[in-house]
Protein backbone atom coordinates (compact mmCIF):
# COMPACT_ATOMS: atom_id res chain seq x y z
CA MET A 1 140.11 94.94 130.85
CA SER A 2 137.85 94.78 127.83
CA ASP A 3 134.96 92.39 127.48
CA GLN A 4 136.49 91.30 124.18
CA LEU A 5 138.60 88.15 123.98
CA PRO A 6 139.46 86.12 120.87
CA LEU A 7 136.60 84.67 118.84
CA VAL A 8 136.64 80.98 119.68
CA GLY A 9 136.23 78.21 117.09
CA ARG A 10 134.29 80.29 114.53
CA GLN A 11 136.79 80.89 111.72
CA GLU A 12 134.95 78.81 109.14
CA GLU A 13 131.62 80.42 109.96
CA LEU A 14 133.22 83.89 109.93
CA ARG A 15 134.59 83.27 106.44
CA ALA A 16 131.16 82.07 105.30
CA VAL A 17 129.50 85.24 106.62
CA LEU A 18 132.00 87.56 104.93
CA ARG A 19 131.75 85.61 101.66
CA ALA A 20 127.92 85.74 101.69
CA LEU A 21 127.95 89.45 102.53
CA ALA A 22 130.29 90.16 99.63
CA VAL A 23 128.34 88.03 97.12
CA HIS A 24 124.71 88.47 98.17
CA GLY A 25 124.88 91.74 100.11
CA ALA A 26 122.30 90.51 102.66
CA VAL A 27 123.00 87.80 105.24
CA LEU A 28 121.10 86.21 108.12
CA LEU A 29 122.93 84.50 111.00
CA SER A 30 120.41 81.99 112.26
CA GLY A 31 120.60 79.74 115.31
CA PRO A 32 119.26 78.99 118.81
CA PRO A 33 119.83 81.40 121.72
CA GLY A 34 123.25 81.51 123.29
CA VAL A 35 125.36 80.16 120.42
CA GLY A 36 127.18 83.42 119.71
CA LYS A 37 125.29 84.91 116.74
CA THR A 38 125.78 88.50 117.91
CA ARG A 39 129.46 87.90 118.70
CA LEU A 40 130.02 86.41 115.23
CA ALA A 41 128.15 89.29 113.56
CA ASN A 42 130.22 91.85 115.44
CA GLU A 43 133.43 90.15 114.37
CA ALA A 44 132.29 90.15 110.75
CA LEU A 45 131.34 93.82 110.90
CA THR A 46 134.81 94.78 112.11
CA SER A 47 136.20 93.25 108.90
CA VAL A 48 133.99 95.04 106.36
CA PRO A 49 135.48 98.18 104.75
CA HIS A 50 132.25 100.18 105.04
CA PRO A 51 130.54 102.25 107.78
CA VAL A 52 128.12 100.26 109.93
CA VAL A 53 124.68 101.41 111.09
CA ARG A 54 123.35 99.36 114.02
CA CYS A 55 119.94 98.67 115.49
CA HIS A 56 118.74 96.12 118.03
CA ALA A 57 115.15 94.83 118.00
CA THR A 58 113.58 94.24 121.39
CA ASP A 59 110.36 92.91 122.90
CA ALA A 60 109.57 96.36 124.26
CA ALA A 61 109.79 98.02 120.83
CA SER A 62 108.12 95.22 118.87
CA SER A 63 104.66 96.81 119.21
CA ILE A 64 105.82 100.31 118.22
CA PRO A 65 105.79 101.15 114.48
CA LEU A 66 109.41 101.66 113.37
CA GLY A 67 110.41 101.16 117.02
CA ALA A 68 113.55 99.20 116.21
CA ILE A 69 114.96 101.78 113.78
CA ALA A 70 113.41 104.99 115.13
CA SER A 71 116.76 106.31 116.38
CA LEU A 72 118.14 106.09 112.83
CA LEU A 73 115.32 108.11 111.21
CA PRO A 74 114.24 111.77 111.21
CA ALA A 75 111.33 112.85 113.38
CA THR A 76 108.95 113.03 110.38
CA LEU A 77 108.84 110.98 107.17
CA PRO A 78 106.97 111.74 103.94
CA SER A 79 104.62 109.19 102.43
CA PRO A 80 105.06 106.43 101.51
CA PHE A 81 107.01 106.09 104.74
CA VAL A 82 108.56 102.66 103.98
CA ARG A 83 110.28 103.93 100.87
CA ALA A 84 111.26 107.21 102.56
CA ALA A 85 112.75 105.37 105.56
CA ALA A 86 114.69 102.99 103.33
CA GLU A 87 116.07 105.83 101.23
CA HIS A 88 117.10 107.74 104.34
CA LEU A 89 118.97 104.73 105.75
CA SER A 90 120.78 104.09 102.46
CA ARG A 91 122.04 107.65 102.07
CA GLY A 92 125.71 108.42 102.48
CA GLY A 93 127.30 105.78 100.28
CA ARG A 94 128.08 102.10 100.79
CA ARG A 95 126.93 101.36 104.34
CA VAL A 96 126.06 98.15 106.16
CA LEU A 97 122.90 97.88 108.26
CA SER A 98 123.27 95.55 111.27
CA VAL A 99 120.00 94.26 112.77
CA ASP A 100 120.34 92.21 115.96
CA ASP A 101 117.44 89.91 117.00
CA ALA A 102 115.57 90.60 113.75
CA HIS A 103 112.85 88.11 114.76
CA LEU A 104 111.62 90.82 117.21
CA LEU A 105 111.19 93.53 114.55
CA ASP A 106 107.91 95.42 114.48
CA ASP A 107 105.94 95.16 111.23
CA ALA A 108 106.89 98.62 109.98
CA SER A 109 110.61 98.10 110.57
CA LEU A 110 110.32 94.69 108.92
CA SER A 111 108.77 96.30 105.83
CA VAL A 112 111.64 98.80 105.63
CA LEU A 113 114.17 95.98 105.95
CA GLN A 114 112.44 93.99 103.21
CA HIS A 115 112.50 97.06 100.92
CA LEU A 116 116.24 97.56 101.54
CA VAL A 117 117.03 93.91 100.77
CA ARG A 118 114.74 93.57 97.73
CA HIS A 119 116.13 96.69 96.06
CA ARG A 120 119.72 96.11 97.28
CA LEU A 121 119.89 99.66 98.63
CA MET A 122 122.54 98.73 101.20
CA ARG A 123 124.28 95.71 102.64
CA VAL A 124 122.42 94.04 105.51
CA LEU A 125 123.60 91.66 108.24
CA CYS A 126 120.90 90.26 110.56
CA THR A 127 120.86 87.86 113.49
CA ALA A 128 117.72 85.94 114.43
CA ARG A 129 116.61 82.79 116.16
CA SER A 130 116.14 79.57 114.22
CA GLY A 131 112.92 79.44 112.20
CA TRP A 132 112.84 83.13 111.23
CA GLY A 133 113.66 84.23 107.70
CA LEU A 134 113.21 86.98 105.14
CA GLU A 135 113.20 86.84 101.36
CA GLY A 136 116.57 87.80 99.91
CA LEU A 137 118.68 87.01 102.98
CA ALA A 138 121.42 84.39 102.52
CA VAL A 139 121.32 82.17 105.61
CA VAL A 140 124.38 81.12 107.60
CA GLU A 141 123.49 78.61 110.30
CA VAL A 142 125.37 79.19 113.55
CA GLY A 143 125.83 75.92 115.40
CA THR A 144 126.73 75.19 118.99
CA ALA A 145 130.48 74.65 118.79
CA GLY A 146 132.32 73.06 121.67
CA PRO A 147 134.22 76.22 122.68
CA VAL A 148 131.06 78.31 122.61
CA MET A 149 129.24 75.74 124.71
CA GLY A 150 132.09 75.93 127.20
CA LEU A 151 131.64 79.68 127.49
CA VAL A 152 127.88 79.32 127.83
CA LEU A 153 128.45 76.90 130.70
CA MET A 154 130.84 79.37 132.30
CA HIS A 155 128.17 82.09 132.09
CA GLN A 156 125.85 79.67 133.88
CA ARG A 157 128.44 79.16 136.66
CA GLN A 158 128.99 75.56 135.60
CA CYS A 159 132.73 76.09 135.43
CA ALA A 160 133.75 72.45 136.01
CA ARG A 161 131.65 71.32 133.05
CA ALA A 162 133.00 74.22 131.03
CA GLU A 163 136.53 73.01 131.74
CA ASP A 164 135.66 69.53 130.42
CA VAL A 165 134.18 70.95 127.21
CA LEU A 166 137.02 73.39 126.61
CA ALA A 167 139.70 70.80 127.35
CA GLU A 168 138.11 68.46 124.79
CA SER A 169 137.86 71.27 122.24
CA MET A 170 141.49 72.22 122.81
CA ALA A 171 142.63 68.64 122.25
CA ALA A 172 140.68 68.51 118.98
CA ALA A 173 141.91 71.88 117.68
CA GLY A 174 142.95 71.43 114.06
CA ASP A 175 145.12 74.52 113.63
CA THR A 176 147.30 76.80 115.71
CA GLU A 177 144.93 79.74 115.63
CA THR A 178 142.04 77.70 117.01
CA LEU A 179 144.36 76.16 119.61
CA VAL A 180 145.31 79.61 120.87
CA GLN A 181 141.73 80.84 120.95
CA VAL A 182 140.37 77.80 122.77
CA GLY A 183 143.38 77.79 125.11
CA CYS A 184 142.78 81.41 126.12
CA ALA A 185 139.11 80.65 126.79
CA ARG A 186 140.02 77.61 128.85
CA ALA A 187 142.63 79.48 130.88
CA TYR A 188 140.12 82.26 131.51
CA ASN A 189 137.58 79.80 132.89
CA LEU A 190 140.22 78.09 135.02
CA PHE A 191 141.40 81.35 136.58
CA PHE A 192 138.24 83.40 137.01
CA GLY A 193 135.77 80.54 137.29
CA LEU A 194 137.61 77.81 139.18
CA GLY A 195 140.28 79.99 140.79
CA ASP A 196 143.05 77.61 139.68
CA GLU A 197 145.93 79.92 138.79
CA ASP A 198 148.47 77.13 138.28
CA ALA A 199 146.24 75.25 135.83
CA ALA A 200 145.43 78.43 133.91
CA VAL A 201 149.12 79.30 133.54
CA ALA A 202 149.91 75.72 132.50
CA VAL A 203 147.36 75.93 129.69
CA LEU A 204 148.87 79.16 128.41
CA ASP A 205 152.36 77.66 128.68
CA SER A 206 151.30 74.69 126.55
CA VAL A 207 149.86 77.05 123.94
CA SER A 208 152.97 79.24 123.97
CA ALA A 209 155.14 76.17 123.32
CA GLN A 210 153.77 76.11 119.77
CA ARG A 211 155.33 78.14 116.99
CA LEU A 212 153.10 81.20 117.06
CA SER A 213 152.82 84.27 114.91
CA ALA A 214 153.41 87.66 116.52
CA GLU A 215 149.66 88.27 116.53
CA LEU A 216 148.91 85.02 118.36
CA GLU A 217 151.71 85.62 120.88
CA HIS A 218 150.15 89.00 121.55
CA ALA A 219 146.77 87.32 122.21
CA VAL A 220 148.30 84.88 124.70
CA MET A 221 150.16 87.65 126.51
CA SER A 222 147.00 89.74 126.69
CA CYS A 223 145.16 86.83 128.31
CA ALA A 224 148.02 86.25 130.79
CA LEU A 225 147.97 89.91 131.81
CA THR A 226 144.27 89.61 132.57
CA PHE A 227 145.33 87.19 135.30
CA ALA A 228 148.28 89.33 136.40
CA LEU A 229 145.99 92.27 137.08
CA GLU A 230 144.21 90.17 139.71
CA ALA A 231 147.08 88.12 141.08
CA ALA A 232 150.33 90.08 140.74
CA PRO A 233 151.41 93.33 142.40
CA VAL A 234 150.11 96.31 140.47
CA GLY A 235 153.62 97.33 139.40
CA VAL A 236 154.18 93.95 137.73
CA ALA A 237 150.92 94.19 135.79
CA ARG A 238 151.85 97.72 134.72
CA LEU A 239 155.19 96.50 133.35
CA GLY A 240 153.32 93.82 131.40
CA GLY A 241 151.06 96.45 129.88
CA VAL A 242 154.09 98.45 128.75
CA LEU A 243 155.61 95.36 127.12
CA LEU A 244 152.33 94.37 125.49
CA GLY A 245 151.90 97.77 123.83
CA GLY A 246 149.14 98.82 121.48
CA ARG A 247 145.53 99.34 122.50
CA ALA A 248 145.47 96.11 124.50
CA GLY A 249 148.47 97.34 126.48
CA GLN A 250 146.71 100.66 127.07
CA ARG A 251 143.75 98.79 128.56
CA VAL A 252 146.05 96.91 130.93
CA LEU A 253 147.68 100.18 131.96
CA ALA A 254 144.24 101.77 132.47
CA VAL A 255 143.30 99.04 134.97
CA ALA A 256 146.70 99.35 136.66
CA ASP A 257 146.17 103.11 137.00
CA GLN A 258 142.74 102.50 138.50
CA PHE A 259 144.14 100.02 141.03
CA ALA A 260 146.90 102.50 141.87
CA GLY A 261 144.31 105.16 142.63
CA ARG A 262 145.27 107.34 139.67
CA TYR A 263 141.78 107.76 138.32
CA SER A 264 142.32 110.65 135.92
CA ASP A 265 145.08 108.66 134.20
CA ALA A 266 142.87 105.57 134.09
CA ILE A 267 140.03 107.50 132.45
CA ALA A 268 142.38 109.08 129.90
CA ARG A 269 143.96 105.73 129.00
CA SER A 270 140.60 103.98 128.63
CA GLU A 271 139.48 106.74 126.28
CA ASP A 272 142.68 106.39 124.24
CA ALA A 273 142.24 102.62 124.05
CA GLY A 274 138.71 103.05 122.70
CA GLU A 275 135.54 101.13 123.31
CA THR A 276 135.29 97.52 122.20
CA VAL A 277 132.35 95.46 121.09
CA PRO A 278 131.15 93.37 124.06
CA GLY A 279 131.95 89.70 123.63
CA PRO A 280 130.85 86.55 125.43
CA PHE A 281 133.53 86.70 128.13
CA PRO A 282 132.66 88.34 131.45
CA SER A 283 135.74 90.49 132.06
CA VAL A 284 136.50 90.88 135.75
CA ARG A 285 137.72 94.41 135.34
CA SER A 286 135.50 95.80 132.63
CA GLY A 287 134.10 99.28 133.14
CA VAL A 288 137.42 100.91 134.04
CA ARG A 289 136.14 104.34 133.12
CA ALA A 290 132.93 104.02 135.17
CA GLU A 291 134.70 102.74 138.28
CA SER A 292 137.37 105.43 138.02
CA MET A 293 134.63 108.05 137.74
CA LEU A 294 133.01 106.71 140.90
CA ARG A 295 136.22 106.65 142.89
CA SER A 296 137.27 110.10 141.72
CA GLY A 297 133.95 111.60 142.83
CA ASP A 298 131.79 111.66 139.68
CA LEU A 299 128.97 109.41 140.91
CA THR A 300 126.49 110.66 138.34
CA GLY A 301 128.85 109.97 135.45
CA ALA A 302 129.65 106.52 136.81
CA GLU A 303 125.96 105.65 137.12
CA ARG A 304 125.27 106.92 133.61
CA ARG A 305 127.91 104.59 132.17
CA ALA A 306 127.00 101.59 134.33
CA VAL A 307 123.23 101.48 133.86
CA PRO A 308 123.27 100.23 130.22
CA GLU A 309 125.82 97.54 131.13
CA VAL A 310 123.42 95.93 133.62
CA HIS A 311 121.64 94.29 130.67
CA ARG A 312 124.79 92.75 129.15
CA PRO A 313 125.58 89.22 130.38
CA ALA A 314 129.31 89.92 130.22
CA SER A 315 129.21 92.94 132.50
CA GLN A 316 125.96 92.89 134.48
CA VAL A 317 127.40 91.65 137.79
CA LEU A 318 130.20 94.19 138.01
CA SER A 319 127.89 96.95 136.82
CA ARG A 320 125.55 96.12 139.68
CA VAL A 321 128.46 96.20 142.12
CA LEU A 322 129.36 99.68 140.91
CA LEU A 323 125.76 100.94 141.04
CA SER A 324 125.40 99.56 144.57
CA GLN A 325 128.57 101.37 145.63
CA CYS A 326 127.14 104.61 144.24
CA ALA A 327 123.91 104.00 146.16
CA ARG A 328 125.83 103.40 149.40
CA LEU A 329 127.81 106.61 149.07
CA ARG A 330 124.52 108.41 148.51
CA GLY A 331 123.18 106.82 151.70
CA LYS A 332 120.56 104.79 149.80
CA ALA A 333 121.04 101.54 151.66
CA ALA A 334 117.81 99.88 150.51
CA SER A 335 118.63 100.60 146.86
CA ALA A 336 122.14 99.21 147.28
CA VAL A 337 120.81 95.96 148.70
CA ARG A 338 118.13 95.63 146.03
CA ILE A 339 120.60 96.19 143.19
CA THR A 340 122.86 93.34 144.30
CA ALA A 341 120.25 91.00 145.79
CA GLU A 342 118.68 90.45 142.36
CA VAL A 343 121.71 88.50 141.10
CA VAL A 344 123.17 86.94 144.27
CA PRO A 345 123.93 83.28 143.41
CA GLU A 346 122.15 80.45 145.17
CA PRO A 347 123.89 79.05 148.28
CA ASP A 348 124.92 75.78 146.61
CA VAL A 349 126.64 77.46 143.63
CA ARG A 350 130.43 77.45 143.42
CA LEU A 351 131.41 81.11 143.33
CA MET A 352 133.30 82.77 140.51
CA LEU A 353 135.46 85.79 141.16
CA TRP A 354 132.78 88.35 140.30
CA ASP A 355 130.35 86.48 142.58
CA VAL A 356 132.75 87.12 145.46
CA LEU A 357 132.84 90.83 144.63
CA LEU A 358 129.04 90.88 144.42
CA LEU A 359 128.58 89.20 147.80
CA ALA A 360 131.08 91.54 149.44
CA GLU A 361 129.16 94.54 148.13
CA PHE A 362 125.84 92.99 149.17
CA ALA A 363 127.24 92.51 152.69
CA ALA A 364 128.30 96.17 152.90
CA GLY A 365 124.87 97.31 151.74
CA ALA A 366 123.04 95.07 154.20
CA ALA A 367 125.25 96.35 157.04
CA LEU A 368 124.44 99.95 156.09
CA GLN A 369 120.73 99.10 156.03
CA GLY A 370 120.91 97.80 159.59
CA GLN A 371 120.73 94.07 158.79
CA PRO A 372 123.83 92.73 160.60
CA ASP A 373 122.91 89.04 160.44
CA ARG A 374 122.20 89.17 156.72
CA ALA A 375 125.41 91.11 156.16
CA SER A 376 127.47 88.60 158.18
CA ARG A 377 126.12 85.65 156.22
CA ALA A 378 126.92 87.29 152.89
CA LEU A 379 130.40 88.24 154.06
CA ALA A 380 131.05 84.68 155.24
CA ARG A 381 130.10 83.38 151.77
CA ALA A 382 132.40 85.90 150.10
CA GLU A 383 135.31 84.98 152.38
CA ALA A 384 134.74 81.26 151.83
CA GLY A 385 134.59 81.75 148.06
CA LEU A 386 137.91 83.57 147.78
CA ARG A 387 140.77 81.81 146.04
CA PRO A 388 144.47 82.60 146.64
CA ALA A 389 144.86 83.91 143.09
CA TRP A 390 142.15 86.53 143.51
CA ARG A 391 144.27 89.00 145.45
CA MET A 392 142.56 92.20 144.33
CA ALA A 393 139.18 90.72 145.25
CA ARG A 394 140.54 90.00 148.73
CA PHE A 395 140.88 93.74 149.36
CA ALA A 396 137.26 94.33 148.34
CA VAL A 397 136.17 91.64 150.80
CA GLY A 398 138.40 93.21 153.47
CA ALA A 399 136.73 96.59 152.95
CA ALA A 400 133.30 94.97 153.27
CA ARG A 401 134.40 93.28 156.50
CA SER A 402 134.96 96.63 158.21
CA TRP A 403 131.48 97.82 157.15
CA VAL A 404 129.90 94.63 158.50
CA LEU A 405 131.70 94.99 161.84
CA ALA A 406 130.64 98.63 162.10
CA GLY A 407 127.06 97.72 161.24
CA ALA A 408 127.09 95.24 164.12
CA GLY A 409 128.14 98.00 166.53
CA ARG A 410 131.78 96.85 166.76
CA ALA A 411 133.41 100.13 165.72
CA ASP A 412 136.82 99.41 167.27
CA GLU A 413 137.08 96.08 165.43
CA ALA A 414 135.89 97.77 162.25
CA MET A 415 138.66 100.35 162.61
CA ARG A 416 141.34 97.68 163.06
CA ALA A 417 140.00 95.65 160.13
CA ALA A 418 140.10 98.74 157.89
CA LEU A 419 143.67 99.54 158.95
CA ASP A 420 144.79 95.95 158.28
CA ASN A 421 143.17 96.00 154.86
CA ALA A 422 144.82 99.33 154.03
CA ASP A 423 148.24 97.93 154.95
CA LEU A 424 147.80 94.81 152.80
CA ALA A 425 146.56 96.86 149.86
CA ARG A 426 149.53 99.20 150.14
CA GLU A 427 151.97 96.28 150.00
CA HIS A 428 150.30 95.14 146.77
CA GLY A 429 150.39 98.62 145.23
CA ALA A 430 146.59 98.76 145.28
CA HIS A 431 146.36 102.32 146.54
CA SER A 432 142.74 102.60 145.41
CA GLU A 433 141.76 100.06 148.07
CA GLU A 434 144.23 101.55 150.56
CA ILE A 435 142.59 104.98 150.19
CA VAL A 436 139.07 103.63 150.77
CA SER A 437 140.11 101.59 153.83
CA LEU A 438 142.11 104.47 155.34
CA HIS A 439 139.05 106.69 155.06
CA ASP A 440 136.86 103.99 156.61
CA ALA A 441 139.35 103.66 159.48
CA ALA A 442 139.16 107.44 160.02
CA ARG A 443 135.36 107.27 160.09
CA PHE A 444 135.60 104.56 162.75
CA GLY A 445 138.00 106.53 164.97
CA ALA A 446 141.59 106.21 163.74
CA ASP A 447 143.81 109.13 162.77
CA THR A 448 144.81 108.20 159.23
CA SER A 449 145.19 111.79 158.07
CA PRO A 450 149.00 111.65 157.53
CA ARG A 451 148.74 108.74 155.09
CA LEU A 452 145.69 110.11 153.29
CA LEU A 453 147.24 113.57 152.96
CA ALA A 454 150.41 112.03 151.53
CA LEU A 455 148.40 110.05 148.98
CA ALA A 456 146.29 113.09 148.10
CA LYS A 457 149.35 115.17 147.17
CA SER A 458 149.73 113.33 143.86
CA ARG A 459 146.02 112.63 143.37
CA LYS A 460 143.86 115.71 142.91
CA ASP A 461 140.53 113.93 142.44
CA PRO A 462 137.66 115.56 144.39
CA LEU A 463 136.69 112.48 146.42
CA MET A 464 140.31 111.66 147.31
CA THR A 465 140.82 115.26 148.44
CA ALA A 466 137.63 115.09 150.53
CA TYR A 467 138.74 111.82 152.17
CA ALA A 468 142.02 113.38 153.29
CA ALA A 469 140.33 116.58 154.49
CA HIS A 470 137.72 114.54 156.39
CA ALA A 471 140.37 112.54 158.22
CA GLN A 472 142.34 115.69 159.04
CA ALA A 473 139.31 117.61 160.32
CA ARG A 474 138.32 114.67 162.52
CA ALA A 475 141.83 114.42 163.91
CA LEU A 476 141.94 118.16 164.64
CA ARG A 477 138.38 118.10 166.05
CA ASP A 478 137.61 121.04 163.79
CA PRO A 479 133.86 121.65 163.27
CA ALA A 480 134.41 124.33 160.62
CA GLY A 481 136.69 122.01 158.69
CA LEU A 482 134.14 119.21 158.92
CA GLU A 483 131.43 121.51 157.59
CA GLU A 484 133.63 122.34 154.59
CA VAL A 485 134.26 118.63 154.06
CA ALA A 486 130.51 117.98 154.12
CA ALA A 487 130.10 120.48 151.27
CA ALA A 488 132.85 118.72 149.29
CA PHE A 489 131.21 115.33 149.80
CA THR A 490 127.84 116.75 148.78
CA ALA A 491 129.35 118.11 145.56
CA CYS A 492 130.54 114.58 144.72
CA GLY A 493 127.17 113.04 145.58
CA ALA A 494 128.55 111.21 148.64
CA ALA A 495 125.71 112.31 150.92
CA LEU A 496 126.41 109.54 153.46
CA TYR A 497 129.84 110.93 154.28
CA ALA A 498 128.48 114.48 154.20
CA ALA A 499 125.93 113.56 156.87
CA GLU A 500 128.60 111.92 159.01
CA ALA A 501 130.83 115.01 158.75
CA LEU A 502 127.93 117.30 159.73
CA ALA A 503 126.97 115.08 162.66
CA GLU A 504 130.54 115.15 163.96
CA ALA A 505 130.75 118.91 163.40
CA GLY A 506 127.56 119.35 165.43
CA ARG A 507 128.93 117.33 168.35
CA LEU A 508 132.17 119.31 168.34
CA ALA A 509 130.36 122.65 168.11
CA ARG A 510 128.33 121.63 171.15
CA LEU A 511 131.51 120.70 172.97
CA HIS A 512 132.99 124.11 172.10
CA ASP A 513 129.91 125.76 173.66
CA ARG A 514 128.46 126.96 170.34
CA PRO A 515 124.89 125.73 170.72
CA ARG A 516 123.42 127.66 167.79
CA ASP A 517 126.00 126.29 165.36
CA ALA A 518 125.50 122.85 166.86
CA ASP A 519 121.73 123.00 166.39
CA ARG A 520 122.13 124.13 162.78
CA LEU A 521 124.62 121.37 161.96
CA ASP A 522 122.49 118.75 163.72
CA ARG A 523 119.47 119.79 161.66
CA GLN A 524 121.45 119.50 158.43
CA ALA A 525 122.81 116.08 159.40
CA SER A 526 119.35 114.88 160.45
CA ALA A 527 117.78 116.12 157.20
CA LEU A 528 120.29 114.14 155.16
CA ALA A 529 119.97 111.07 157.37
CA GLU A 530 116.17 111.12 157.07
CA SER A 531 116.49 110.88 153.29
CA PHE A 532 118.58 107.72 153.54
CA GLY A 533 115.71 105.43 154.44
CA GLY A 534 117.26 103.67 157.41
CA ALA A 535 121.00 103.84 156.66
CA SER A 536 123.01 103.62 159.87
CA THR A 537 126.73 104.07 160.58
CA PRO A 538 128.66 104.84 163.77
CA GLY A 539 128.86 108.45 162.63
CA LEU A 540 125.09 108.72 162.19
CA VAL A 541 123.78 106.65 165.08
CA VAL A 542 124.01 109.55 167.54
CA THR A 543 122.13 111.92 165.27
CA SER A 544 119.33 109.41 164.70
CA THR A 545 119.21 108.42 168.38
CA LEU A 546 119.03 111.98 169.70
CA ALA A 547 116.26 112.72 167.22
CA ALA A 548 114.05 110.66 169.54
CA LEU A 549 114.46 113.27 172.31
CA THR A 550 112.33 116.35 172.75
CA PRO A 551 114.15 119.66 172.18
CA ARG A 552 114.29 120.30 175.95
CA GLN A 553 115.59 116.77 176.69
CA SER A 554 118.24 117.13 174.00
CA GLU A 555 119.31 120.54 175.32
CA ILE A 556 119.67 119.27 178.90
CA ALA A 557 121.45 116.10 177.81
CA ARG A 558 124.04 118.06 175.83
CA LEU A 559 124.69 120.45 178.73
CA ALA A 560 125.15 117.50 181.07
CA VAL A 561 127.65 115.92 178.66
CA VAL A 562 129.89 119.00 178.56
CA GLY A 563 130.21 118.91 182.33
CA LEU A 564 127.54 121.17 183.83
CA SER A 565 126.02 120.04 187.11
CA THR A 566 122.29 119.71 187.66
CA ALA A 567 122.26 122.99 189.59
CA GLU A 568 124.17 124.81 186.83
CA ILE A 569 121.84 123.48 184.14
CA ALA A 570 118.82 124.55 186.19
CA GLU A 571 120.30 128.01 186.68
CA ARG A 572 121.18 128.42 183.00
CA LEU A 573 117.74 127.33 181.79
CA THR A 574 115.83 128.96 184.68
CA ILE A 575 114.08 125.74 185.68
CA ALA A 576 113.95 123.62 188.84
CA LYS A 577 116.70 121.08 189.61
CA ARG A 578 114.01 118.38 189.91
CA THR A 579 112.86 119.24 186.38
CA VAL A 580 116.45 118.82 185.13
CA ASP A 581 116.73 115.42 186.82
CA ASN A 582 113.39 114.28 185.41
CA HIS A 583 114.39 115.28 181.87
CA LEU A 584 117.76 113.57 182.25
CA HIS A 585 116.26 110.28 183.45
CA THR A 586 113.74 110.36 180.61
CA ALA A 587 116.58 111.01 178.14
CA TYR A 588 118.63 108.12 179.55
CA ALA A 589 115.72 105.74 178.97
CA ALA A 590 115.05 107.08 175.47
CA VAL A 591 118.61 106.56 174.20
CA GLY A 592 119.34 103.40 176.16
CA VAL A 593 122.00 104.55 178.66
CA THR A 594 122.08 104.60 182.47
CA GLY A 595 123.73 107.91 183.28
CA ARG A 596 125.96 110.79 182.25
CA ASP A 597 128.88 108.53 181.39
CA GLY A 598 126.64 106.69 178.95
CA LEU A 599 125.62 109.98 177.35
CA ARG A 600 129.28 111.02 177.07
CA ALA A 601 130.17 107.75 175.35
CA LEU A 602 127.18 108.05 173.03
CA LEU A 603 128.09 111.59 172.05
CA GLY A 604 131.74 110.69 171.56
CA HIS A 605 133.07 113.14 174.17
CA GLY A 606 134.54 110.75 176.74
CA ALA A 607 137.67 112.27 178.24
CA HIS A 608 136.89 115.58 176.54
CA ALA A 609 133.78 116.12 178.65
CA THR A 610 135.60 118.45 181.03
CA ALA A 611 136.15 121.03 178.31
CA GLY A 612 132.85 122.80 178.90
CA ALA A 613 133.18 123.00 182.67
CA PRO A 614 134.61 126.06 184.45
CA ASN A 615 138.35 125.70 185.17
CA GLY A 616 138.36 122.32 183.41
CA LYS A 617 136.80 120.54 186.39
CA ARG A 618 134.43 117.63 185.84
CA ARG A 619 130.97 118.15 187.29
CA PRO A 620 129.08 115.39 189.10
């Protein structure tokens, strides 16, 4: 869904801004931080019949001459540069210059702005903190209205206080339009902040009982569908998007496509729906295009879209979740943990829905980094913070649970948890989560290839195709197929899965008595694993453990695993039997096992260990 929800309780101020812009041509929205100046300015700019040129002053650019407006100017300017810059900006007819946080303008940019206003070269709309001013700007004071204060409190995770403020504002609403706007904000806080689905629906029902215009009914339905996307089966939300229609309906359908694992459709719909100006509401499912890019296999594109959103209050948490997921797939466990750890809420804070998603992702990252206790604590917080209405979030927590179990060395439990999560997601129509959990279950030892191959038939995305091929190659114990899968994962940027596929291919090549291929695959897997900075999964633990052995110890250990006796190993390598035994005992101590059975279990051969022995007989 979009970050944009109805402007709350600002109609009078909006009219004052538009009136001042029409009469004076230059307006300043002035007020303390957090009262919604930028949101109000954006709403006003959507109503003006002229092209808008935007710039945003920042602390970083405040010491750079023309830093705030440099992107709007040519590389070189003739002298006098102030006049030349102003004339360049005012070219092209009746345009409006929007300057956000004008109190941070560098001196040169401020001089250009003053020249534009004094000579009325173009319309100007600025926002700035209280106490800042500029000659020629008509000032509209932006106060702290009750609804805005409620949203500020919600941003601060004080959702119970936000409910009190919004309930009071709703009771005092003087007209139907304000009632609808405040009601939507209140319902949003109740659902996503407090997790009270019944109360949120009751608020919308009370609003809908009024005689509403078609436009206001559309706003209420749009808000209700925001809840349906989290709480209802995906098919129900999709039907709601069809009924809603228009660009808002397209956004609902884009999220439904993403949840259904149809990422190309989700990207296309989000492009058709267009970008919206970020508002003060943190939308739980913003960034549809970026998440669909990630899940389809375009990690670089997803990261490129998510990075700027990290600095927006309305989208920073979910953007960090997405960036952490990208880091995990790349095998960068430490980066994944750092990205999420920076905004993990304090232990005594009541969790909102996006906090639950953040903690689940943090737990998965910590498990990958080899911090099982830290991962378990974060997962426990996420599970405790879940509310019954947050059904889609439950699948994200379920996926994290399997990673945490695997990180604690409980691969069988991790496999069962992933399978359970896949089944629940499938019942809900959330095939995106089903796909991820089926692949995780395959990585942990289950044969999920039939289901993944069936899902992949109608979904041609590169990462989905690689998931299905990975599961199939594992099930067939096909080293060549696994090597091809590793190349597909590498092309997507999913180096973690590529390393796992190569490690498994190396083990199988060794089992098939192809030592040269096995050595080559092991080296490739080890090279990737070394770049991960400590990432550990069941598929990688063997590669990293065997790296501690000398080449001779590793060679003897692998021959012992495929069933050769001490005498046969000695004969093949032209060394003494005592030397073989010494190397084996040293290898057992290095990898933490007590004998050949331990080596077989470590290398994943188990019952297949007889394959390398003559006539299929197990050697002592």
